N, C-alpha and C. Protein backbone atom coordinates (compact mmCIF):
# COMPACT_ATOMS: atom_id res chain seq x y z
N UNK A 1 -16.35 11.63 24.42
CA UNK A 1 -17.36 10.89 23.67
C UNK A 1 -18.75 11.41 24.00
N UNK A 2 -18.95 11.75 25.25
CA UNK A 2 -20.27 12.24 25.64
C UNK A 2 -20.59 13.56 24.93
N UNK A 3 -19.60 14.43 24.83
CA UNK A 3 -19.81 15.70 24.10
C UNK A 3 -20.13 15.43 22.64
N UNK A 4 -19.43 14.48 22.04
CA UNK A 4 -19.69 14.13 20.64
C UNK A 4 -21.13 13.69 20.48
N UNK A 5 -21.58 12.80 21.37
CA UNK A 5 -22.94 12.28 21.30
C UNK A 5 -23.94 13.42 21.44
N UNK A 6 -23.73 14.28 22.43
CA UNK A 6 -24.65 15.39 22.67
C UNK A 6 -24.69 16.34 21.47
N UNK A 7 -23.53 16.66 20.93
CA UNK A 7 -23.49 17.57 19.77
C UNK A 7 -24.21 16.97 18.56
N UNK A 8 -23.98 15.70 18.31
CA UNK A 8 -24.62 15.03 17.19
C UNK A 8 -26.14 14.99 17.38
N UNK A 9 -26.55 14.63 18.59
CA UNK A 9 -27.98 14.52 18.89
C UNK A 9 -28.66 15.88 18.75
N UNK A 10 -28.02 16.92 19.28
CA UNK A 10 -28.60 18.27 19.20
C UNK A 10 -28.63 18.79 17.77
N UNK A 11 -27.76 18.25 16.92
CA UNK A 11 -27.74 18.65 15.52
C UNK A 11 -28.78 17.91 14.69
N UNK A 12 -29.51 16.99 15.33
CA UNK A 12 -30.57 16.28 14.64
C UNK A 12 -30.16 14.96 14.01
N UNK A 13 -28.95 14.49 14.31
CA UNK A 13 -28.50 13.21 13.76
C UNK A 13 -29.24 12.09 14.50
N UNK A 14 -29.71 11.12 13.76
CA UNK A 14 -30.45 10.00 14.37
C UNK A 14 -29.51 9.15 15.22
N UNK A 15 -30.04 8.63 16.31
CA UNK A 15 -29.24 7.89 17.29
C UNK A 15 -28.48 6.70 16.67
N UNK A 16 -29.10 5.87 15.83
CA UNK A 16 -28.32 4.77 15.25
C UNK A 16 -27.09 5.24 14.48
N UNK A 17 -27.21 6.36 13.78
CA UNK A 17 -26.07 6.91 13.04
C UNK A 17 -25.01 7.44 14.01
N UNK A 18 -25.44 8.03 15.12
CA UNK A 18 -24.49 8.50 16.12
C UNK A 18 -23.68 7.33 16.65
N UNK A 19 -24.36 6.23 16.96
CA UNK A 19 -23.65 5.04 17.46
C UNK A 19 -22.68 4.48 16.42
N UNK A 20 -23.06 4.50 15.16
CA UNK A 20 -22.16 4.03 14.11
C UNK A 20 -20.92 4.92 14.04
N UNK A 21 -21.11 6.21 14.14
CA UNK A 21 -19.98 7.14 14.11
C UNK A 21 -19.08 6.94 15.33
N UNK A 22 -19.68 6.73 16.49
CA UNK A 22 -18.90 6.46 17.70
C UNK A 22 -18.08 5.19 17.55
N UNK A 23 -18.71 4.15 16.97
CA UNK A 23 -18.00 2.88 16.77
C UNK A 23 -16.79 3.08 15.88
N UNK A 24 -16.91 3.88 14.83
CA UNK A 24 -15.77 4.15 13.95
C UNK A 24 -14.69 4.96 14.65
N UNK A 25 -15.10 5.90 15.50
CA UNK A 25 -14.13 6.68 16.26
C UNK A 25 -13.34 5.78 17.21
N UNK A 26 -14.05 4.91 17.92
CA UNK A 26 -13.38 4.01 18.87
C UNK A 26 -12.48 3.04 18.11
N UNK A 27 -12.95 2.53 16.99
CA UNK A 27 -12.14 1.64 16.16
C UNK A 27 -10.82 2.32 15.80
N UNK A 28 -10.90 3.55 15.34
CA UNK A 28 -9.70 4.30 14.98
C UNK A 28 -8.79 4.54 16.18
N UNK A 29 -9.38 4.84 17.33
CA UNK A 29 -8.59 5.08 18.54
C UNK A 29 -7.83 3.82 18.95
N UNK A 30 -8.50 2.67 18.90
CA UNK A 30 -7.84 1.41 19.28
C UNK A 30 -6.73 1.08 18.29
N UNK A 31 -7.00 1.23 17.00
CA UNK A 31 -5.98 0.96 15.99
C UNK A 31 -4.78 1.89 16.16
N UNK A 32 -5.04 3.14 16.44
CA UNK A 32 -3.96 4.11 16.65
C UNK A 32 -3.15 3.75 17.89
N UNK A 33 -3.83 3.32 18.94
CA UNK A 33 -3.13 2.95 20.17
C UNK A 33 -2.26 1.71 19.96
N UNK A 34 -2.73 0.75 19.19
CA UNK A 34 -1.91 -0.42 18.88
C UNK A 34 -0.65 0.02 18.13
N UNK A 35 -0.80 0.92 17.18
CA UNK A 35 0.34 1.35 16.37
C UNK A 35 1.29 2.27 17.11
N UNK A 36 0.75 3.17 17.92
CA UNK A 36 1.59 4.23 18.49
C UNK A 36 1.49 4.36 20.00
N UNK A 37 0.90 3.37 20.66
CA UNK A 37 0.74 3.44 22.11
C UNK A 37 2.06 3.34 22.85
N UNK A 38 2.02 3.70 24.11
CA UNK A 38 3.19 3.66 24.97
C UNK A 38 3.32 2.27 25.58
N UNK A 39 3.76 1.32 24.78
CA UNK A 39 3.87 -0.08 25.19
C UNK A 39 5.30 -0.40 25.63
N UNK A 40 5.41 -1.35 26.54
CA UNK A 40 6.71 -1.87 26.93
C UNK A 40 7.27 -2.65 25.74
N UNK A 41 8.54 -2.46 25.45
CA UNK A 41 9.15 -3.13 24.29
C UNK A 41 9.11 -4.65 24.46
N UNK A 42 9.14 -5.33 23.34
CA UNK A 42 9.19 -6.79 23.36
C UNK A 42 10.48 -7.27 24.01
N UNK A 43 10.43 -8.49 24.50
CA UNK A 43 11.61 -9.13 25.06
C UNK A 43 12.64 -9.36 23.95
N UNK A 44 13.91 -9.42 24.30
CA UNK A 44 14.94 -9.65 23.27
C UNK A 44 14.68 -10.90 22.43
N UNK A 45 14.18 -11.96 23.05
CA UNK A 45 13.90 -13.18 22.28
C UNK A 45 12.78 -12.95 21.26
N UNK A 46 11.80 -12.13 21.61
CA UNK A 46 10.71 -11.81 20.69
C UNK A 46 11.21 -10.91 19.57
N UNK A 47 12.03 -9.94 19.92
CA UNK A 47 12.59 -9.05 18.90
C UNK A 47 13.39 -9.86 17.88
N UNK A 48 14.16 -10.80 18.37
CA UNK A 48 14.97 -11.63 17.47
C UNK A 48 14.07 -12.44 16.53
N UNK A 49 12.97 -12.98 17.07
CA UNK A 49 12.07 -13.82 16.27
C UNK A 49 11.31 -13.00 15.24
N UNK A 50 10.75 -11.86 15.65
CA UNK A 50 9.90 -11.12 14.72
C UNK A 50 10.57 -9.90 14.09
N UNK A 51 11.82 -9.65 14.47
CA UNK A 51 12.61 -8.56 13.89
C UNK A 51 12.00 -7.19 14.18
N UNK A 52 11.33 -7.06 15.33
CA UNK A 52 10.73 -5.78 15.70
C UNK A 52 10.57 -5.70 17.21
N UNK A 53 10.73 -4.51 17.75
CA UNK A 53 10.54 -4.32 19.19
C UNK A 53 9.13 -3.81 19.49
N UNK A 54 8.30 -3.66 18.49
CA UNK A 54 6.96 -3.10 18.68
C UNK A 54 5.96 -4.17 19.08
N UNK A 55 5.43 -4.07 20.30
CA UNK A 55 4.42 -5.03 20.76
C UNK A 55 3.14 -4.91 19.95
N UNK A 56 2.41 -5.99 19.88
CA UNK A 56 1.10 -6.09 19.23
C UNK A 56 1.14 -5.95 17.72
N UNK A 57 2.31 -5.73 17.16
CA UNK A 57 2.40 -5.63 15.71
C UNK A 57 3.40 -6.66 15.20
N UNK A 58 2.90 -7.59 14.46
CA UNK A 58 3.75 -8.59 13.83
C UNK A 58 3.44 -8.54 12.34
N UNK A 59 2.25 -8.99 11.99
CA UNK A 59 1.84 -8.96 10.59
C UNK A 59 0.91 -7.78 10.29
N UNK A 60 0.38 -7.14 11.34
CA UNK A 60 -0.60 -6.08 11.15
C UNK A 60 -2.02 -6.60 11.16
N UNK A 61 -2.17 -7.93 11.22
CA UNK A 61 -3.51 -8.53 11.17
C UNK A 61 -4.35 -8.13 12.38
N UNK A 62 -3.76 -8.11 13.57
CA UNK A 62 -4.53 -7.74 14.77
C UNK A 62 -5.11 -6.35 14.61
N UNK A 63 -4.28 -5.38 14.27
CA UNK A 63 -4.75 -4.00 14.13
C UNK A 63 -5.83 -3.90 13.06
N UNK A 64 -5.65 -4.58 11.95
CA UNK A 64 -6.63 -4.52 10.86
C UNK A 64 -7.94 -5.23 11.21
N UNK A 65 -7.89 -6.15 12.18
CA UNK A 65 -9.09 -6.89 12.52
C UNK A 65 -9.98 -6.16 13.53
N UNK A 66 -9.52 -5.03 14.06
CA UNK A 66 -10.33 -4.25 15.00
C UNK A 66 -11.42 -3.54 14.22
N UNK A 67 -12.67 -3.87 14.53
CA UNK A 67 -13.80 -3.31 13.80
C UNK A 67 -14.86 -2.85 14.80
N UNK A 68 -15.27 -1.61 14.70
CA UNK A 68 -16.34 -1.10 15.55
C UNK A 68 -17.68 -1.62 15.05
N UNK A 69 -18.44 -2.25 15.96
CA UNK A 69 -19.71 -2.85 15.59
C UNK A 69 -20.79 -2.34 16.53
N UNK A 70 -21.93 -1.97 16.00
CA UNK A 70 -23.07 -1.57 16.80
C UNK A 70 -24.14 -2.63 16.65
N UNK A 71 -24.59 -3.14 17.78
CA UNK A 71 -25.66 -4.18 17.74
C UNK A 71 -26.86 -3.74 18.52
């Protein structure tokens, strides 16, 4: 991330825009990790209830609600 910031800054990109781009990158990284991360499988009782062994994914609402915000 530090290299990204330095490259953007040296290229003349304004700092607020750099932060917005970083926020989108982190948002994507978190969403990707929820979908494809190396998570311990759900318990058998959870798998039976939600019909999936994938942790953090039930309806997809959690992953979709991750939003990078710069304040």
